[in-house]
Amino acid sequence: MNALLLIAVFIGALLLVIGGFAFANRRRLAAADAVRSRLGGDGGANSILRNELPISILRDSRVSDIPVLEQLLSGRGMAFWLEREIAQAGSKQRPGEVVLFALLFGLIGLTLGEWFGGALVAMLGLALGLPLPLAVLRVRQRRRKQRFTEQLPEALDLLINALKAGYSLQSAIEFAGRETAAPLGPELVRFHDESRLGIDIRTALIALQERVGTEDARMFVTSLLLQRETGGNLTELLYNISTLVRQRLAFQGQVETLTAEPKLSAYILTALPFFVFGAVTILSPDYMKPLLTTPAGQKMIAYAVISMLLGFFIMMRIADAEL
């Protein structure tokens, strides 16, 4: 009976979250249809606009499409922090969506934990489910930052060649952005567009650094700002930065090769208890039943899971060399 009640609560909460997203999207689509109907006419540009989203020259700074979340999160420090994390991950989500997904996964972990193991395991499921969307963002951030670092030397070479050909700094950055693939290329083009629209170059460069979020980007931006204030040979400065980034990438590859074995050991040692637990449960359910049904067994499971996860993070932290 309790399991059916928990399932009903979980399904109801899931439908509520999905309904909220559907309602928010319905309002957005209704507004888009209203704009298209006011444009009127057939063919030409209007026929193109009917197949696209409405274009606005204003930046949509809403935290969420759901009014309640918009009121709760708008102007909060947490919302600004989530916006920065989302931007560095290259995601199109809004802070409100991340919060909703965190609540949803926390509810899923709470329900499954209560269903399978009791209150203590339910709290463990809640603690594991809530930070899951942020963990996904951090993984995307790490991959995107690595891609930025790999693209930066080639982009700097294009920038150096453009400066030698007589381009201004803004035009050279635009040229490098047009010739560089995502994710670095669009960010350089965005810097050029911001400076062309009247934003101060220093402000646009700092915004570029915040969106990228790597040490190499900070070094690049800091070098440009110092060069603008003190003068000097810009092409030589950029060449030295490109050389330094290439050397760091080569050294990073050597470090990753040396740390591959302890990282693999961490994965194996963490996955092995779960594999053994699942195999023994399938082969001999009665043998594992006291561990799953008794309060002492549930506490032992929670302690074992927490210990294994803590050991995994410690081993990965030891093997992760910051360059």
C-alpha atoms as a PDB file:
ATOM      1  CA  MET A   1       0.000   0.000   0.000  1.00  0.00           C
ATOM      2  CA  ASN A   2       2.802   2.419   0.898  1.00  0.00           C
ATOM      3  CA  ALA A   3       4.610   1.611  -2.335  1.00  0.00           C
ATOM      4  CA  LEU A   4       1.480   2.353  -4.373  1.00  0.00           C
ATOM      5  CA  LEU A   5       1.009   5.629  -2.508  1.00  0.00           C
ATOM      6  CA  LEU A   6       4.609   6.668  -3.163  1.00  0.00           C
ATOM      7  CA  ILE A   7       4.262   5.766  -6.841  1.00  0.00           C
ATOM      8  CA  ALA A   8       1.087   7.828  -7.056  1.00  0.00           C
ATOM      9  CA  VAL A   9       2.804  10.802  -5.395  1.00  0.00           C
ATOM     10  CA  PHE A  10       5.791  10.496  -7.718  1.00  0.00           C
ATOM     11  CA  ILE A  11       3.616  10.294 -10.843  1.00  0.00           C
ATOM     12  CA  GLY A  12       1.522  13.235  -9.660  1.00  0.00           C
ATOM     13  CA  ALA A  13       4.589  15.385  -9.020  1.00  0.00           C
ATOM     14  CA  LEU A  14       6.080  14.383 -12.369  1.00  0.00           C
ATOM     15  CA  LEU A  15       2.866  15.299 -14.179  1.00  0.00           C
ATOM     16  CA  LEU A  16       2.799  18.602 -12.299  1.00  0.00           C
ATOM     17  CA  VAL A  17       6.326  19.484 -13.461  1.00  0.00           C
ATOM     18  CA  ILE A  18       5.564  18.440 -17.040  1.00  0.00           C
ATOM     19  CA  GLY A  19       2.330  20.411 -16.942  1.00  0.00           C
ATOM     20  CA  GLY A  20       4.195  23.493 -15.767  1.00  0.00           C
ATOM     21  CA  PHE A  21       6.637  23.235 -18.662  1.00  0.00           C
ATOM     22  CA  ALA A  22       3.781  22.646 -21.105  1.00  0.00           C
ATOM     23  CA  PHE A  23       1.894  25.654 -19.762  1.00  0.00           C
ATOM     24  CA  ALA A  24       4.958  27.889 -20.058  1.00  0.00           C
ATOM     25  CA  ASN A  25       5.634  26.730 -23.607  1.00  0.00           C
ATOM     26  CA  ARG A  26       1.973  27.190 -24.514  1.00  0.00           C
ATOM     27  CA  ARG A  27       2.114  30.812 -23.462  1.00  0.00           C
ATOM     28  CA  ARG A  28       5.306  31.362 -25.449  1.00  0.00           C
ATOM     29  CA  LEU A  29       3.820  29.779 -28.562  1.00  0.00           C
ATOM     30  CA  ALA A  30       0.602  31.747 -28.170  1.00  0.00           C
ATOM     31  CA  ALA A  31       2.591  34.988 -28.009  1.00  0.00           C
ATOM     32  CA  ALA A  32       4.563  33.991 -31.099  1.00  0.00           C
ATOM     33  CA  ASP A  33       1.349  33.237 -32.985  1.00  0.00           C
ATOM     34  CA  ALA A  34      -0.056  36.617 -31.967  1.00  0.00           C
ATOM     35  CA  VAL A  35       3.045  38.381 -33.311  1.00  0.00           C
ATOM     36  CA  ARG A  36       2.833  36.471 -36.586  1.00  0.00           C
ATOM     37  CA  SER A  37      -0.860  37.268 -36.967  1.00  0.00           C
ATOM     38  CA  ARG A  38      -0.161  40.999 -36.473  1.00  0.00           C
ATOM     39  CA  LEU A  39       2.512  40.866 -39.170  1.00  0.00           C
ATOM     40  CA  GLY A  40      -0.070  39.501 -41.633  1.00  0.00           C
ATOM     41  CA  GLY A  41       0.390  39.035 -45.375  1.00  0.00           C
ATOM     42  CA  ASP A  42       1.639  36.088 -47.426  1.00  0.00           C
ATOM     43  CA  GLY A  43       4.936  35.292 -49.066  1.00  0.00           C
ATOM     44  CA  GLY A  44       8.224  37.158 -48.840  1.00  0.00           C
ATOM     45  CA  ALA A  45       9.645  37.939 -45.443  1.00  0.00           C
ATOM     46  CA  ASN A  46       6.384  37.190 -43.633  1.00  0.00           C
ATOM     47  CA  SER A  47       6.341  33.648 -44.954  1.00  0.00           C
ATOM     48  CA  ILE A  48       9.820  33.178 -43.547  1.00  0.00           C
ATOM     49  CA  LEU A  49       8.826  34.622 -40.192  1.00  0.00           C
ATOM     50  CA  ARG A  50       5.950  32.174 -39.913  1.00  0.00           C
ATOM     51  CA  ASN A  51       8.470  29.314 -39.818  1.00  0.00           C
ATOM     52  CA  GLU A  52      10.755  30.907 -37.267  1.00  0.00           C
ATOM     53  CA  LEU A  53      10.623  32.091 -33.688  1.00  0.00           C
ATOM     54  CA  PRO A  54       9.784  35.780 -33.204  1.00  0.00           C
ATOM     55  CA  ILE A  55      12.874  37.973 -33.360  1.00  0.00           C
ATOM     56  CA  SER A  56      13.497  40.462 -30.590  1.00  0.00           C
ATOM     57  CA  ILE A  57      16.272  43.007 -30.205  1.00  0.00           C
ATOM     58  CA  LEU A  58      15.889  42.858 -26.420  1.00  0.00           C
ATOM     59  CA  ARG A  59      17.732  40.320 -24.319  1.00  0.00           C
ATOM     60  CA  ASP A  60      15.397  37.926 -22.526  1.00  0.00           C
ATOM     61  CA  SER A  61      16.656  38.157 -18.949  1.00  0.00           C
ATOM     62  CA  ARG A  62      13.890  36.151 -17.307  1.00  0.00           C
ATOM     63  CA  VAL A  63      15.014  33.490 -14.870  1.00  0.00           C
ATOM     64  CA  SER A  64      12.075  31.220 -15.658  1.00  0.00           C
ATOM     65  CA  ASP A  65       8.949  31.116 -17.786  1.00  0.00           C
ATOM     66  CA  ILE A  66       6.960  30.069 -14.710  1.00  0.00           C
ATOM     67  CA  PRO A  67       5.820  33.205 -12.827  1.00  0.00           C
ATOM     68  CA  VAL A  68       6.287  31.692  -9.366  1.00  0.00           C
ATOM     69  CA  LEU A  69       9.914  30.734 -10.017  1.00  0.00           C
ATOM     70  CA  GLU A  70      10.506  34.088 -11.708  1.00  0.00           C
ATOM     71  CA  GLN A  71       9.418  35.903  -8.546  1.00  0.00           C
ATOM     72  CA  LEU A  72      11.381  33.615  -6.226  1.00  0.00           C
ATOM     73  CA  LEU A  73      14.676  33.615  -8.146  1.00  0.00           C
ATOM     74  CA  SER A  74      14.778  36.952  -9.958  1.00  0.00           C
ATOM     75  CA  GLY A  75      17.495  39.216  -8.571  1.00  0.00           C
ATOM     76  CA  ARG A  76      18.852  36.547  -6.215  1.00  0.00           C
ATOM     77  CA  GLY A  77      22.520  35.686  -5.938  1.00  0.00           C
ATOM     78  CA  MET A  78      21.697  32.061  -6.646  1.00  0.00           C
ATOM     79  CA  ALA A  79      20.117  33.045  -9.982  1.00  0.00           C
ATOM     80  CA  PHE A  80      23.227  35.015 -11.043  1.00  0.00           C
ATOM     81  CA  TRP A  81      25.457  32.107 -10.037  1.00  0.00           C
ATOM     82  CA  LEU A  82      23.330  29.625 -11.996  1.00  0.00           C
ATOM     83  CA  GLU A  83      23.350  31.929 -15.038  1.00  0.00           C
ATOM     84  CA  ARG A  84      27.149  31.954 -14.994  1.00  0.00           C
ATOM     85  CA  GLU A  85      27.313  28.178 -14.602  1.00  0.00           C
ATOM     86  CA  ILE A  86      24.853  27.690 -17.479  1.00  0.00           C
ATOM     87  CA  ALA A  87      26.732  30.130 -19.726  1.00  0.00           C
ATOM     88  CA  GLN A  88      30.056  28.392 -19.099  1.00  0.00           C
ATOM     89  CA  ALA A  89      28.422  25.040 -19.895  1.00  0.00           C
ATOM     90  CA  GLY A  90      27.100  26.374 -23.213  1.00  0.00           C
ATOM     91  CA  SER A  91      23.548  25.408 -22.270  1.00  0.00           C
ATOM     92  CA  LYS A  92      20.359  27.157 -23.387  1.00  0.00           C
ATOM     93  CA  GLN A  93      18.589  26.446 -20.108  1.00  0.00           C
ATOM     94  CA  ARG A  94      17.436  29.040 -17.651  1.00  0.00           C
ATOM     95  CA  PRO A  95      18.144  28.986 -13.904  1.00  0.00           C
ATOM     96  CA  GLY A  96      14.506  28.134 -13.212  1.00  0.00           C
ATOM     97  CA  GLU A  97      14.734  25.019 -15.366  1.00  0.00           C
ATOM     98  CA  VAL A  98      17.832  23.840 -13.496  1.00  0.00           C
ATOM     99  CA  VAL A  99      16.033  24.322 -10.187  1.00  0.00           C
ATOM    100  CA  LEU A 100      12.981  22.407 -11.467  1.00  0.00           C
ATOM    101  CA  PHE A 101      15.122  19.515 -12.681  1.00  0.00           C
ATOM    102  CA  ALA A 102      16.961  19.447  -9.336  1.00  0.00           C
ATOM    103  CA  LEU A 103      13.645  19.188  -7.491  1.00  0.00           C
ATOM    104  CA  LEU A 104      12.418  16.527  -9.912  1.00  0.00           C
ATOM    105  CA  PHE A 105      15.511  14.329  -9.551  1.00  0.00           C
ATOM    106  CA  GLY A 106      15.486  14.853  -5.802  1.00  0.00           C
ATOM    107  CA  LEU A 107      11.880  13.668  -5.703  1.00  0.00           C
ATOM    108  CA  ILE A 108      12.751  10.646  -7.839  1.00  0.00           C
ATOM    109  CA  GLY A 109      15.637   9.729  -5.516  1.00  0.00           C
ATOM    110  CA  LEU A 110      13.442  10.237  -2.447  1.00  0.00           C
ATOM    111  CA  THR A 111      10.661   8.048  -3.857  1.00  0.00           C
ATOM    112  CA  LEU A 112      12.920   5.236  -5.029  1.00  0.00           C
ATOM    113  CA  GLY A 113      14.881   5.282  -1.762  1.00  0.00           C
ATOM    114  CA  GLU A 114      11.717   5.076   0.325  1.00  0.00           C
ATOM    115  CA  TRP A 115      10.385   2.325  -1.901  1.00  0.00           C
ATOM    116  CA  PHE A 116      13.476   0.128  -1.793  1.00  0.00           C
ATOM    117  CA  GLY A 117      15.161   0.868   1.500  1.00  0.00           C
ATOM    118  CA  GLY A 118      13.290   3.035   3.960  1.00  0.00           C
ATOM    119  CA  ALA A 119      13.690   6.547   5.320  1.00  0.00           C
ATOM    120  CA  LEU A 120      17.497   6.588   5.560  1.00  0.00           C
ATOM    121  CA  VAL A 121      17.969   5.378   1.997  1.00  0.00           C
ATOM    122  CA  ALA A 122      15.291   7.873   0.897  1.00  0.00           C
ATOM    123  CA  MET A 123      17.301  10.750   2.359  1.00  0.00           C
ATOM    124  CA  LEU A 124      20.378   9.399   0.591  1.00  0.00           C
ATOM    125  CA  GLY A 125      18.425   9.307  -2.681  1.00  0.00           C
ATOM    126  CA  LEU A 126      17.320  12.895  -2.121  1.00  0.00           C
ATOM    127  CA  ALA A 127      20.904  13.998  -1.437  1.00  0.00           C
ATOM    128  CA  LEU A 128      22.091  12.288  -4.628  1.00  0.00           C
ATOM    129  CA  GLY A 129      19.223  13.499  -6.814  1.00  0.00           C
ATOM    130  CA  LEU A 130      19.216  17.203  -5.972  1.00  0.00           C
ATOM    131  CA  PRO A 131      22.741  18.054  -7.250  1.00  0.00           C
ATOM    132  CA  LEU A 132      22.454  15.848 -10.350  1.00  0.00           C
ATOM    133  CA  PRO A 133      21.520  18.668 -12.836  1.00  0.00           C
ATOM    134  CA  LEU A 134      24.393  20.791 -11.503  1.00  0.00           C
ATOM    135  CA  ALA A 135      26.757  17.818 -11.865  1.00  0.00           C
ATOM    136  CA  VAL A 136      25.675  17.477 -15.503  1.00  0.00           C
ATOM    137  CA  LEU A 137      26.378  21.182 -16.021  1.00  0.00           C
ATOM    138  CA  ARG A 138      29.834  20.782 -14.488  1.00  0.00           C
ATOM    139  CA  VAL A 139      30.631  17.883 -16.843  1.00  0.00           C
ATOM    140  CA  ARG A 140      29.536  19.971 -19.823  1.00  0.00           C
ATOM    141  CA  GLN A 141      31.602  22.876 -18.494  1.00  0.00           C
ATOM    142  CA  ARG A 142      34.713  20.750 -18.264  1.00  0.00           C
ATOM    143  CA  ARG A 143      34.337  19.441 -21.809  1.00  0.00           C
ATOM    144  CA  ARG A 144      33.595  22.888 -23.191  1.00  0.00           C
ATOM    145  CA  LYS A 145      36.552  24.468 -21.407  1.00  0.00           C
ATOM    146  CA  GLN A 146      38.841  21.746 -22.726  1.00  0.00           C
ATOM    147  CA  ARG A 147      37.577  22.462 -26.230  1.00  0.00           C
ATOM    148  CA  PHE A 148      38.208  26.193 -25.695  1.00  0.00           C
ATOM    149  CA  THR A 149      41.769  25.492 -24.638  1.00  0.00           C
ATOM    150  CA  GLU A 150      42.387  23.263 -27.655  1.00  0.00           C
ATOM    151  CA  GLN A 151      41.011  25.884 -30.063  1.00  0.00           C
ATOM    152  CA  LEU A 152      42.768  28.910 -28.561  1.00  0.00           C
ATOM    153  CA  PRO A 153      46.247  28.462 -30.151  1.00  0.00           C
ATOM    154  CA  GLU A 154      44.832  28.207 -33.681  1.00  0.00           C
ATOM    155  CA  ALA A 155      42.537  31.174 -33.064  1.00  0.00           C
ATOM    156  CA  LEU A 156      45.513  33.199 -31.810  1.00  0.00           C
ATOM    157  CA  ASP A 157      47.462  32.297 -34.959  1.00  0.00           C
ATOM    158  CA  LEU A 158      44.563  33.593 -37.078  1.00  0.00           C
ATOM    159  CA  LEU A 159      44.446  36.731 -34.933  1.00  0.00           C
ATOM    160  CA  ILE A 160      48.192  37.306 -35.365  1.00  0.00           C
ATOM    161  CA  ASN A 161      47.982  36.903 -39.135  1.00  0.00           C
ATOM    162  CA  ALA A 162      45.036  39.315 -39.320  1.00  0.00           C
ATOM    163  CA  LEU A 163      46.908  41.927 -37.260  1.00  0.00           C
ATOM    164  CA  LYS A 164      49.960  41.582 -39.485  1.00  0.00           C
ATOM    165  CA  ALA A 165      47.691  42.095 -42.517  1.00  0.00           C
ATOM    166  CA  GLY A 166      46.573  45.471 -41.130  1.00  0.00           C
ATOM    167  CA  TYR A 167      43.321  44.600 -39.373  1.00  0.00           C
ATOM    168  CA  SER A 168      42.304  46.457 -36.235  1.00  0.00           C
ATOM    169  CA  LEU A 169      41.997  44.428 -33.026  1.00  0.00           C
ATOM    170  CA  GLN A 170      38.198  44.207 -33.208  1.00  0.00           C
ATOM    171  CA  SER A 171      38.220  43.245 -36.887  1.00  0.00           C
ATOM    172  CA  ALA A 172      40.992  40.704 -36.317  1.00  0.00           C
ATOM    173  CA  ILE A 173      39.019  39.095 -33.500  1.00  0.00           C
ATOM    174  CA  GLU A 174      35.942  38.966 -35.736  1.00  0.00           C
ATOM    175  CA  PHE A 175      37.995  37.332 -38.500  1.00  0.00           C
ATOM    176  CA  ALA A 176      39.383  34.755 -36.079  1.00  0.00           C
ATOM    177  CA  GLY A 177      35.875  34.097 -34.757  1.00  0.00           C
ATOM    178  CA  ARG A 178      34.442  33.576 -38.241  1.00  0.00           C
ATOM    179  CA  GLU A 179      37.169  31.087 -39.098  1.00  0.00           C
ATOM    180  CA  THR A 180      37.061  29.190 -35.787  1.00  0.00           C
ATOM    181  CA  ALA A 181      34.513  26.510 -35.029  1.00  0.00           C
ATOM    182  CA  ALA A 182      32.258  26.474 -31.979  1.00  0.00           C
ATOM    183  CA  PRO A 183      32.465  27.018 -29.085  1.00  0.00           C
ATOM    184  CA  LEU A 184      35.301  29.568 -29.293  1.00  0.00           C
ATOM    185  CA  GLY A 185      34.372  31.094 -32.656  1.00  0.00           C
ATOM    186  CA  PRO A 186      30.874  32.318 -31.690  1.00  0.00           C
ATOM    187  CA  GLU A 187      32.225  33.818 -28.465  1.00  0.00           C
ATOM    188  CA  LEU A 188      34.807  35.878 -30.374  1.00  0.00           C
ATOM    189  CA  VAL A 189      32.135  37.030 -32.830  1.00  0.00           C
ATOM    190  CA  ARG A 190      29.915  37.985 -29.909  1.00  0.00           C
ATOM    191  CA  PHE A 191      32.731  40.116 -28.483  1.00  0.00           C
ATOM    192  CA  HIS A 192      32.997  41.942 -31.821  1.00  0.00           C
ATOM    193  CA  ASP A 193      29.242  42.485 -31.994  1.00  0.00           C
ATOM    194  CA  GLU A 194      29.147  43.862 -28.448  1.00  0.00           C
ATOM    195  CA  SER A 195      32.017  46.275 -29.085  1.00  0.00           C
ATOM    196  CA  ARG A 196      30.408  47.375 -32.376  1.00  0.00           C
ATOM    197  CA  LEU A 197      27.133  48.118 -30.564  1.00  0.00           C
ATOM    198  CA  GLY A 198      28.917  50.524 -28.211  1.00  0.00           C
ATOM    199  CA  ILE A 199      29.974  48.382 -25.267  1.00  0.00           C
ATOM    200  CA  ASP A 200      33.376  49.333 -23.889  1.00  0.00           C
ATOM    201  CA  ILE A 201      36.126  46.978 -25.091  1.00  0.00           C
ATOM    202  CA  ARG A 202      37.274  46.313 -21.537  1.00  0.00           C
ATOM    203  CA  THR A 203      33.739  45.356 -20.492  1.00  0.00           C
ATOM    204  CA  ALA A 204      33.278  43.151 -23.573  1.00  0.00           C
ATOM    205  CA  LEU A 205      36.614  41.395 -22.943  1.00  0.00           C
ATOM    206  CA  ILE A 206      35.779  40.731 -19.293  1.00  0.00           C
ATOM    207  CA  ALA A 207      32.368  39.372 -20.352  1.00  0.00           C
ATOM    208  CA  LEU A 208      34.137  37.076 -22.826  1.00  0.00           C
ATOM    209  CA  GLN A 209      36.410  35.859 -20.041  1.00  0.00           C
ATOM    210  CA  GLU A 210      33.427  35.152 -17.762  1.00  0.00           C
ATOM    211  CA  ARG A 211      31.598  33.182 -20.468  1.00  0.00           C
ATOM    212  CA  VAL A 212      34.634  31.057 -21.290  1.00  0.00           C
ATOM    213  CA  GLY A 213      35.823  30.624 -17.697  1.00  0.00           C
ATOM    214  CA  THR A 214      39.287  29.165 -18.376  1.00  0.00           C
ATOM    215  CA  GLU A 215      42.675  30.289 -17.094  1.00  0.00           C
ATOM    216  CA  ASP A 216      43.932  30.634 -20.668  1.00  0.00           C
ATOM    217  CA  ALA A 217      41.050  32.978 -21.517  1.00  0.00           C
ATOM    218  CA  ARG A 218      41.839  35.021 -18.405  1.00  0.00           C
ATOM    219  CA  MET A 219      45.485  35.224 -19.449  1.00  0.00           C
ATOM    220  CA  PHE A 220      44.473  36.274 -22.983  1.00  0.00           C
ATOM    221  CA  VAL A 221      42.069  38.971 -21.778  1.00  0.00           C
ATOM    222  CA  THR A 222      44.467  40.280 -19.136  1.00  0.00           C
ATOM    223  CA  SER A 223      47.260  40.516 -21.697  1.00  0.00           C
ATOM    224  CA  LEU A 224      45.076  42.477 -24.108  1.00  0.00           C
ATOM    225  CA  LEU A 225      43.947  44.887 -21.395  1.00  0.00           C
ATOM    226  CA  LEU A 226      47.512  45.486 -20.190  1.00  0.00           C
ATOM    227  CA  GLN A 227      48.734  45.969 -23.746  1.00  0.00           C
ATOM    228  CA  ARG A 228      46.045  48.580 -24.390  1.00  0.00           C
ATOM    229  CA  GLU A 229      47.135  50.518 -21.288  1.00  0.00           C
ATOM    230  CA  THR A 230      50.917  50.168 -21.510  1.00  0.00           C
ATOM    231  CA  GLY A 231      51.561  49.540 -25.216  1.00  0.00           C
ATOM    232  CA  GLY A 232      53.961  47.047 -26.755  1.00  0.00           C
ATOM    233  CA  ASN A 233      54.124  44.567 -29.608  1.00  0.00           C
ATOM    234  CA  LEU A 234      50.705  42.922 -29.663  1.00  0.00           C
ATOM    235  CA  THR A 235      51.553  40.268 -32.239  1.00  0.00           C
ATOM    236  CA  GLU A 236      54.593  39.125 -30.255  1.00  0.00           C
ATOM    237  CA  LEU A 237      52.499  39.025 -27.080  1.00  0.00           C
ATOM    238  CA  LEU A 238      49.840  36.870 -28.743  1.00  0.00           C
ATOM    239  CA  TYR A 239      52.498  34.590 -30.216  1.00  0.00           C
ATOM    240  CA  ASN A 240      53.967  34.008 -26.746  1.00  0.00           C
ATOM    241  CA  ILE A 241      50.511  33.199 -25.365  1.00  0.00           C
ATOM    242  CA  SER A 242      49.856  30.751 -28.210  1.00  0.00           C
ATOM    243  CA  THR A 243      53.190  29.019 -27.579  1.00  0.00           C
ATOM    244  CA  LEU A 244      52.521  28.811 -23.843  1.00  0.00           C
ATOM    245  CA  VAL A 245      49.046  27.316 -24.366  1.00  0.00           C
ATOM    246  CA  ARG A 246      50.435  24.689 -26.766  1.00  0.00           C
ATOM    247  CA  GLN A 247      53.117  23.717 -24.260  1.00  0.00           C
ATOM    248  CA  ARG A 248      50.521  23.445 -21.496  1.00  0.00           C
ATOM    249  CA  LEU A 249      48.352  21.213 -23.688  1.00  0.00           C
ATOM    250  CA  ALA A 250      51.293  18.932 -24.420  1.00  0.00           C
ATOM    251  CA  PHE A 251      52.187  18.739 -20.732  1.00  0.00           C
ATOM    252  CA  GLN A 252      48.539  18.111 -19.844  1.00  0.00           C
ATOM    253  CA  GLY A 253      48.473  15.159 -22.238  1.00  0.00           C
ATOM    254  CA  GLN A 254      51.497  13.656 -20.503  1.00  0.00           C
ATOM    255  CA  VAL A 255      49.903  14.127 -17.076  1.00  0.00           C
ATOM    256  CA  GLU A 256      46.641  12.508 -18.213  1.00  0.00           C
ATOM    257  CA  THR A 257      48.614   9.529 -19.492  1.00  0.00           C
ATOM    258  CA  LEU A 258      50.349   9.126 -16.129  1.00  0.00           C
ATOM    259  CA  THR A 259      47.094   9.477 -14.135  1.00  0.00           C
ATOM    260  CA  ALA A 260      44.991   7.177 -16.338  1.00  0.00           C
ATOM    261  CA  GLU A 261      45.781   4.095 -14.227  1.00  0.00           C
ATOM    262  CA  PRO A 262      44.661   5.503 -10.821  1.00  0.00           C
ATOM    263  CA  LYS A 263      41.495   6.916 -12.411  1.00  0.00           C
ATOM    264  CA  LEU A 264      40.663   3.536 -13.932  1.00  0.00           C
ATOM    265  CA  SER A 265      41.307   1.909 -10.555  1.00  0.00           C
ATOM    266  CA  ALA A 266      38.861   4.341  -8.936  1.00  0.00           C
ATOM    267  CA  TYR A 267      36.146   3.438 -11.454  1.00  0.00           C
ATOM    268  CA  ILE A 268      36.703  -0.301 -11.035  1.00  0.00           C
ATOM    269  CA  LEU A 269      36.863  -0.235  -7.227  1.00  0.00           C
ATOM    270  CA  THR A 270      33.682   1.859  -7.063  1.00  0.00           C
ATOM    271  CA  ALA A 271      31.698  -0.240  -9.554  1.00  0.00           C
ATOM    272  CA  LEU A 272      32.788  -3.640  -8.219  1.00  0.00           C
ATOM    273  CA  PRO A 273      30.702  -3.610  -4.978  1.00  0.00           C
ATOM    274  CA  PHE A 274      27.569  -2.629  -6.901  1.00  0.00           C
ATOM    275  CA  PHE A 275      28.199  -5.400  -9.422  1.00  0.00           C
ATOM    276  CA  VAL A 276      28.731  -8.002  -6.685  1.00  0.00           C
ATOM    277  CA  PHE A 277      25.648  -6.789  -4.788  1.00  0.00           C
ATOM    278  CA  GLY A 278      23.469  -7.075  -7.903  1.00  0.00           C
ATOM    279  CA  ALA A 279      24.847 -10.492  -8.824  1.00  0.00           C
ATOM    280  CA  VAL A 280      24.343 -11.951  -5.321  1.00  0.00           C
ATOM    281  CA  THR A 281      20.835 -10.459  -5.141  1.00  0.00           C
ATOM    282  CA  ILE A 282      19.871 -12.142  -8.421  1.00  0.00           C
ATOM    283  CA  LEU A 283      21.475 -15.490  -7.586  1.00  0.00           C
ATOM    284  CA  SER A 284      20.384 -15.682  -3.938  1.00  0.00           C
ATOM    285  CA  PRO A 285      17.587 -13.219  -3.041  1.00  0.00           C
ATOM    286  CA  ASP A 286      16.960 -14.795   0.364  1.00  0.00           C
ATOM    287  CA  TYR A 287      20.581 -14.319   1.357  1.00  0.00           C
ATOM    288  CA  MET A 288      20.405 -10.548   0.680  1.00  0.00           C
ATOM    289  CA  LYS A 289      16.873 -10.054   2.012  1.00  0.00           C
ATOM    290  CA  PRO A 290      17.890  -9.188   5.609  1.00  0.00           C
ATOM    291  CA  LEU A 291      20.232  -6.518   4.284  1.00  0.00           C
ATOM    292  CA  LEU A 292      17.388  -4.875   2.354  1.00  0.00           C
ATOM    293  CA  THR A 293      14.500  -5.269   4.790  1.00  0.00           C
ATOM    294  CA  THR A 294      15.969  -4.783   8.279  1.00  0.00           C
ATOM    295  CA  PRO A 295      16.822  -1.317   9.689  1.00  0.00           C
ATOM    296  CA  ALA A 296      20.384  -2.405  10.454  1.00  0.00           C
ATOM    297  CA  GLY A 297      20.867  -3.647   6.896  1.00  0.00           C
ATOM    298  CA  GLN A 298      19.504  -0.415   5.426  1.00  0.00           C
ATOM    299  CA  LYS A 299      21.890   1.624   7.571  1.00  0.00           C
ATOM    300  CA  MET A 300      24.773  -0.567   6.416  1.00  0.00           C
ATOM    301  CA  ILE A 301      23.771  -0.012   2.760  1.00  0.00           C
ATOM    302  CA  ALA A 302      23.607   3.766   3.249  1.00  0.00           C
ATOM    303  CA  TYR A 303      26.976   3.783   5.028  1.00  0.00           C
ATOM    304  CA  ALA A 304      28.549   1.614   2.318  1.00  0.00           C
ATOM    305  CA  VAL A 305      27.244   3.806  -0.521  1.00  0.00           C
ATOM    306  CA  ILE A 306      28.404   7.008   1.161  1.00  0.00           C
ATOM    307  CA  SER A 307      31.828   5.500   1.895  1.00  0.00           C
ATOM    308  CA  MET A 308      32.292   4.274  -1.684  1.00  0.00           C
ATOM    309  CA  LEU A 309      31.272   7.613  -3.190  1.00  0.00           C
ATOM    310  CA  LEU A 310      33.536   9.489  -0.781  1.00  0.00           C
ATOM    311  CA  GLY A 311      36.433   7.177  -1.618  1.00  0.00           C
ATOM    312  CA  PHE A 312      35.764   7.603  -5.333  1.00  0.00           C
ATOM    313  CA  PHE A 313      35.857  11.402  -5.126  1.00  0.00           C
ATOM    314  CA  ILE A 314      39.028  11.317  -3.019  1.00  0.00           C
ATOM    315  CA  MET A 315      40.801   9.016  -5.487  1.00  0.00           C
ATOM    316  CA  MET A 316      39.696  11.136  -8.452  1.00  0.00           C
ATOM    317  CA  ARG A 317      40.807  14.284  -6.656  1.00  0.00           C
ATOM    318  CA  ILE A 318      44.238  12.814  -5.971  1.00  0.00           C
ATOM    319  CA  ALA A 319      44.596  11.734  -9.604  1.00  0.00           C
ATOM    320  CA  ASP A 320      43.339  15.054 -10.984  1.00  0.00           C
ATOM    321  CA  ALA A 321      46.353  17.322 -11.418  1.00  0.00           C
ATOM    322  CA  GLU A 322      45.488  21.000 -11.766  1.00  0.00           C
ATOM    323  CA  LEU A 323      47.662  22.693 -14.377  1.00  0.00           C
END
